[in-house]
Amino acid sequence: MRMTMLALWRDDRGALIATEWVFIVTILVIGLVVGLKSVQQAVVNELEEVASAIGSLSQTYSFGGTSGCCSFTYGSKYTDGAANHYEVDSCTETTDTQTTSCAD
């Protein structure tokens, strides 16, 4: 058994020499770089789509004023204009349409 193992150990038929290993590793590295670049570009595109979707959400809100017996509150409105442009507007057109007299 020992002689068979020594014969196999000394046999160099079918072995790859260093130059062949360099060619194989070079081809593998080039393929790996190209593949990773494709993955990187796909991830960047997906993150840009997510950022665009989040940026296009409407954040507009408003609430109306209230009025009651001798008192009222103004409403407020926020309009999300364009990207990085935020317009704040106070509605002051609310009036007390009821003509009621309050007890003192």
N, C-alpha and C. Protein backbone atom coordinates (compact mmCIF):
# COMPACT_ATOMS: atom_id res chain seq x y z
N MET A 1 0.82 -1.19 0.00
CA MET A 1 0.00 0.00 0.00
C MET A 1 0.87 1.26 0.00
N ARG A 2 1.96 1.17 0.76
CA ARG A 2 2.84 2.32 0.84
C ARG A 2 3.50 2.61 -0.50
N MET A 3 3.86 1.60 -1.21
CA MET A 3 4.50 1.76 -2.51
C MET A 3 3.52 2.37 -3.52
N THR A 4 2.26 2.00 -3.42
CA THR A 4 1.26 2.56 -4.32
C THR A 4 1.07 4.04 -4.05
N MET A 5 1.02 4.43 -2.79
CA MET A 5 0.87 5.83 -2.43
C MET A 5 2.08 6.66 -2.88
N LEU A 6 3.29 6.11 -2.73
CA LEU A 6 4.50 6.81 -3.18
C LEU A 6 4.50 6.96 -4.70
N ALA A 7 4.01 5.95 -5.39
CA ALA A 7 3.96 6.02 -6.85
C ALA A 7 2.97 7.10 -7.29
N LEU A 8 1.84 7.17 -6.62
CA LEU A 8 0.86 8.21 -6.93
C LEU A 8 1.39 9.59 -6.60
N TRP A 9 2.15 9.69 -5.50
CA TRP A 9 2.70 10.97 -5.08
C TRP A 9 3.73 11.49 -6.08
N ARG A 10 4.53 10.59 -6.65
CA ARG A 10 5.59 10.98 -7.58
C ARG A 10 5.08 11.14 -9.01
N ASP A 11 3.92 10.67 -9.30
CA ASP A 11 3.39 10.73 -10.66
C ASP A 11 2.97 12.16 -10.97
N ASP A 12 3.49 12.77 -12.01
CA ASP A 12 3.14 14.14 -12.36
C ASP A 12 2.33 14.21 -13.65
N ARG A 13 1.87 13.11 -14.15
CA ARG A 13 1.04 13.13 -15.35
C ARG A 13 -0.33 13.69 -14.99
N GLY A 14 -0.81 14.62 -15.76
CA GLY A 14 -2.11 15.22 -15.52
C GLY A 14 -2.07 16.39 -14.55
N ALA A 15 -0.92 16.69 -14.01
CA ALA A 15 -0.82 17.81 -13.07
C ALA A 15 -0.76 19.12 -13.84
N LEU A 16 -1.33 20.14 -13.27
CA LEU A 16 -1.30 21.46 -13.88
C LEU A 16 -0.07 22.21 -13.39
N ILE A 17 0.58 22.89 -14.30
CA ILE A 17 1.73 23.68 -13.90
C ILE A 17 1.26 25.08 -13.52
N ALA A 18 2.15 25.88 -12.99
CA ALA A 18 1.81 27.18 -12.42
C ALA A 18 1.19 28.12 -13.46
N THR A 19 1.67 28.10 -14.69
CA THR A 19 1.14 28.99 -15.71
C THR A 19 -0.32 28.68 -16.00
N GLU A 20 -0.65 27.41 -16.05
CA GLU A 20 -2.04 27.03 -16.29
C GLU A 20 -2.93 27.49 -15.13
N TRP A 21 -2.41 27.37 -13.91
CA TRP A 21 -3.19 27.84 -12.76
C TRP A 21 -3.40 29.36 -12.83
N VAL A 22 -2.42 30.10 -13.27
CA VAL A 22 -2.55 31.55 -13.40
C VAL A 22 -3.64 31.89 -14.42
N PHE A 23 -3.66 31.18 -15.55
CA PHE A 23 -4.70 31.43 -16.55
C PHE A 23 -6.09 31.12 -16.00
N ILE A 24 -6.22 30.02 -15.31
CA ILE A 24 -7.53 29.65 -14.75
C ILE A 24 -7.99 30.66 -13.72
N VAL A 25 -7.10 31.06 -12.82
CA VAL A 25 -7.47 32.03 -11.79
C VAL A 25 -7.79 33.39 -12.40
N THR A 26 -7.05 33.79 -13.44
CA THR A 26 -7.32 35.07 -14.11
C THR A 26 -8.71 35.07 -14.74
N ILE A 27 -9.06 34.00 -15.42
CA ILE A 27 -10.39 33.90 -16.03
C ILE A 27 -11.48 33.93 -14.96
N LEU A 28 -11.26 33.22 -13.87
CA LEU A 28 -12.25 33.23 -12.78
C LEU A 28 -12.40 34.61 -12.16
N VAL A 29 -11.31 35.32 -11.95
CA VAL A 29 -11.36 36.65 -11.34
C VAL A 29 -12.06 37.63 -12.27
N ILE A 30 -11.76 37.56 -13.55
CA ILE A 30 -12.44 38.46 -14.51
C ILE A 30 -13.93 38.19 -14.51
N GLY A 31 -14.33 36.93 -14.52
CA GLY A 31 -15.75 36.59 -14.46
C GLY A 31 -16.40 37.06 -13.18
N LEU A 32 -15.68 36.95 -12.07
CA LEU A 32 -16.21 37.39 -10.78
C LEU A 32 -16.40 38.90 -10.74
N VAL A 33 -15.44 39.64 -11.28
CA VAL A 33 -15.53 41.10 -11.29
C VAL A 33 -16.72 41.55 -12.14
N VAL A 34 -16.87 40.95 -13.32
CA VAL A 34 -17.99 41.30 -14.19
C VAL A 34 -19.32 40.97 -13.53
N GLY A 35 -19.40 39.82 -12.89
CA GLY A 35 -20.63 39.44 -12.20
C GLY A 35 -20.97 40.35 -11.04
N LEU A 36 -19.96 40.72 -10.25
CA LEU A 36 -20.20 41.61 -9.12
C LEU A 36 -20.58 43.02 -9.58
N LYS A 37 -20.02 43.46 -10.69
CA LYS A 37 -20.40 44.77 -11.24
C LYS A 37 -21.86 44.77 -11.68
N SER A 38 -22.32 43.68 -12.26
CA SER A 38 -23.72 43.57 -12.67
C SER A 38 -24.64 43.57 -11.44
N VAL A 39 -24.24 42.86 -10.41
CA VAL A 39 -25.03 42.84 -9.18
C VAL A 39 -25.07 44.23 -8.55
N GLN A 40 -23.93 44.93 -8.54
CA GLN A 40 -23.87 46.28 -7.97
C GLN A 40 -24.80 47.23 -8.72
N GLN A 41 -24.81 47.15 -10.04
CA GLN A 41 -25.66 48.03 -10.83
C GLN A 41 -27.14 47.72 -10.60
N ALA A 42 -27.47 46.46 -10.46
CA ALA A 42 -28.86 46.09 -10.20
C ALA A 42 -29.32 46.59 -8.83
N VAL A 43 -28.45 46.52 -7.83
CA VAL A 43 -28.80 47.01 -6.49
C VAL A 43 -28.96 48.52 -6.51
N VAL A 44 -28.08 49.23 -7.20
CA VAL A 44 -28.19 50.69 -7.28
C VAL A 44 -29.50 51.08 -7.97
N ASN A 45 -29.84 50.42 -9.06
CA ASN A 45 -31.10 50.72 -9.76
C ASN A 45 -32.30 50.48 -8.86
N GLU A 46 -32.28 49.40 -8.11
CA GLU A 46 -33.42 49.10 -7.23
C GLU A 46 -33.53 50.14 -6.12
N LEU A 47 -32.40 50.55 -5.54
CA LEU A 47 -32.45 51.57 -4.49
C LEU A 47 -32.90 52.92 -5.03
N GLU A 48 -32.54 53.25 -6.28
CA GLU A 48 -33.02 54.49 -6.89
C GLU A 48 -34.54 54.44 -7.08
N GLU A 49 -35.07 53.28 -7.46
CA GLU A 49 -36.52 53.15 -7.61
C GLU A 49 -37.23 53.29 -6.27
N VAL A 50 -36.66 52.71 -5.21
CA VAL A 50 -37.26 52.84 -3.88
C VAL A 50 -37.22 54.29 -3.42
N ALA A 51 -36.10 54.98 -3.64
CA ALA A 51 -36.00 56.38 -3.25
C ALA A 51 -36.99 57.24 -4.04
N SER A 52 -37.17 56.94 -5.30
CA SER A 52 -38.13 57.69 -6.11
C SER A 52 -39.55 57.45 -5.63
N ALA A 53 -39.86 56.22 -5.25
CA ALA A 53 -41.19 55.91 -4.75
C ALA A 53 -41.46 56.62 -3.42
N ILE A 54 -40.48 56.64 -2.54
CA ILE A 54 -40.65 57.32 -1.26
C ILE A 54 -40.77 58.82 -1.47
N GLY A 55 -39.98 59.38 -2.39
CA GLY A 55 -40.02 60.81 -2.65
C GLY A 55 -41.32 61.27 -3.30
N SER A 56 -42.01 60.38 -3.98
CA SER A 56 -43.24 60.79 -4.65
C SER A 56 -44.48 60.64 -3.78
N LEU A 57 -44.31 60.22 -2.54
CA LEU A 57 -45.45 60.13 -1.63
C LEU A 57 -45.97 61.53 -1.33
N SER A 58 -47.27 61.69 -1.32
CA SER A 58 -47.86 62.99 -1.01
C SER A 58 -47.98 63.13 0.49
N GLN A 59 -47.42 64.21 1.01
CA GLN A 59 -47.46 64.46 2.44
C GLN A 59 -48.40 65.63 2.76
N THR A 60 -49.32 65.92 1.88
CA THR A 60 -50.23 67.02 2.06
C THR A 60 -51.28 66.69 3.12
N TYR A 61 -51.58 67.64 3.95
CA TYR A 61 -52.64 67.45 4.93
C TYR A 61 -53.33 68.80 5.19
N SER A 62 -54.52 68.75 5.72
CA SER A 62 -55.22 69.98 6.11
C SER A 62 -56.29 69.63 7.13
N PHE A 63 -56.64 70.60 7.93
CA PHE A 63 -57.79 70.45 8.83
C PHE A 63 -58.50 71.79 8.90
N GLY A 64 -59.80 71.72 8.98
CA GLY A 64 -60.61 72.93 8.97
C GLY A 64 -60.76 73.53 10.35
N GLY A 65 -61.11 74.78 10.37
CA GLY A 65 -61.34 75.46 11.64
C GLY A 65 -62.70 75.11 12.20
N THR A 66 -62.89 75.46 13.44
CA THR A 66 -64.18 75.23 14.09
C THR A 66 -64.68 76.56 14.65
N SER A 67 -65.97 76.66 14.75
CA SER A 67 -66.54 77.86 15.36
C SER A 67 -67.70 77.43 16.25
N GLY A 68 -67.88 78.18 17.29
CA GLY A 68 -68.94 77.88 18.22
C GLY A 68 -69.47 79.16 18.84
N CYS A 69 -69.91 79.06 20.01
CA CYS A 69 -70.50 80.18 20.72
C CYS A 69 -69.42 81.21 21.06
N CYS A 70 -69.36 82.28 20.30
CA CYS A 70 -68.44 83.41 20.51
C CYS A 70 -66.96 83.04 20.40
N SER A 71 -66.62 81.96 19.75
CA SER A 71 -65.21 81.62 19.58
C SER A 71 -65.03 80.83 18.29
N PHE A 72 -63.80 80.83 17.80
CA PHE A 72 -63.50 80.07 16.60
C PHE A 72 -62.00 79.80 16.56
N THR A 73 -61.62 78.82 15.78
CA THR A 73 -60.21 78.54 15.53
C THR A 73 -59.99 78.50 14.03
N TYR A 74 -58.81 78.88 13.62
CA TYR A 74 -58.47 78.85 12.21
C TYR A 74 -58.05 77.44 11.82
N GLY A 75 -58.24 77.12 10.58
CA GLY A 75 -57.74 75.85 10.07
C GLY A 75 -56.30 75.99 9.63
N SER A 76 -55.74 74.91 9.20
CA SER A 76 -54.36 74.93 8.73
C SER A 76 -54.24 73.98 7.55
N LYS A 77 -53.28 74.27 6.68
CA LYS A 77 -53.08 73.45 5.50
C LYS A 77 -51.60 73.37 5.20
N TYR A 78 -51.15 72.20 4.82
CA TYR A 78 -49.77 71.99 4.39
C TYR A 78 -49.81 71.35 3.02
N THR A 79 -49.12 71.93 2.06
CA THR A 79 -49.09 71.40 0.71
C THR A 79 -47.67 71.01 0.37
N ASP A 80 -47.50 69.77 0.00
CA ASP A 80 -46.19 69.29 -0.42
C ASP A 80 -46.03 69.64 -1.88
N GLY A 81 -45.26 70.70 -2.15
CA GLY A 81 -45.09 71.18 -3.52
C GLY A 81 -44.18 70.27 -4.32
N ALA A 82 -42.97 70.66 -4.52
CA ALA A 82 -42.00 69.87 -5.28
C ALA A 82 -40.99 69.28 -4.31
N ALA A 83 -40.02 68.59 -4.85
CA ALA A 83 -38.99 68.00 -4.01
C ALA A 83 -38.20 69.10 -3.30
N ASN A 84 -38.04 68.96 -2.00
CA ASN A 84 -37.31 69.91 -1.16
C ASN A 84 -37.91 71.31 -1.19
N HIS A 85 -39.18 71.42 -1.47
CA HIS A 85 -39.87 72.71 -1.45
C HIS A 85 -41.13 72.52 -0.63
N TYR A 86 -41.17 73.10 0.54
CA TYR A 86 -42.29 72.89 1.45
C TYR A 86 -42.99 74.21 1.69
N GLU A 87 -44.24 74.25 1.34
CA GLU A 87 -45.03 75.46 1.46
C GLU A 87 -46.01 75.30 2.62
N VAL A 88 -46.00 76.23 3.53
CA VAL A 88 -46.90 76.19 4.67
C VAL A 88 -47.87 77.36 4.53
N ASP A 89 -49.14 77.07 4.65
CA ASP A 89 -50.16 78.09 4.45
C ASP A 89 -51.16 78.00 5.59
N SER A 90 -51.53 79.13 6.15
CA SER A 90 -52.56 79.15 7.19
C SER A 90 -53.85 79.67 6.58
N CYS A 91 -54.90 78.92 6.75
CA CYS A 91 -56.20 79.35 6.24
C CYS A 91 -56.82 80.30 7.26
N THR A 92 -57.12 81.51 6.85
CA THR A 92 -57.69 82.49 7.77
C THR A 92 -59.08 82.92 7.32
N GLU A 93 -59.67 82.16 6.42
CA GLU A 93 -60.95 82.55 5.88
C GLU A 93 -62.13 81.98 6.66
N THR A 94 -61.88 81.28 7.73
CA THR A 94 -62.96 80.71 8.51
C THR A 94 -63.62 81.81 9.34
N THR A 95 -64.90 81.93 9.23
CA THR A 95 -65.62 82.94 9.99
C THR A 95 -66.78 82.29 10.71
N ASP A 96 -67.25 82.96 11.70
CA ASP A 96 -68.40 82.49 12.47
C ASP A 96 -69.66 82.92 11.71
N THR A 97 -70.31 81.96 11.06
CA THR A 97 -71.49 82.30 10.25
C THR A 97 -72.76 82.35 11.07
N GLN A 98 -72.73 81.83 12.26
CA GLN A 98 -73.92 81.87 13.11
C GLN A 98 -73.90 83.15 13.94
N THR A 99 -75.02 83.76 13.99
CA THR A 99 -75.12 84.98 14.83
C THR A 99 -75.82 84.57 16.11
N THR A 100 -75.01 84.09 17.03
CA THR A 100 -75.57 83.64 18.31
C THR A 100 -75.11 84.60 19.39
N SER A 101 -75.89 84.71 20.38
CA SER A 101 -75.47 85.54 21.53
C SER A 101 -75.20 84.61 22.69
N CYS A 102 -74.07 84.83 23.28
CA CYS A 102 -73.63 83.95 24.38
C CYS A 102 -74.03 84.60 25.71
N ALA A 103 -74.36 83.75 26.62
CA ALA A 103 -74.70 84.25 27.96
C ALA A 103 -73.43 84.68 28.66
N ASP A 104 -73.50 85.81 29.30
CA ASP A 104 -72.33 86.33 30.00
C ASP A 104 -72.12 85.66 31.33
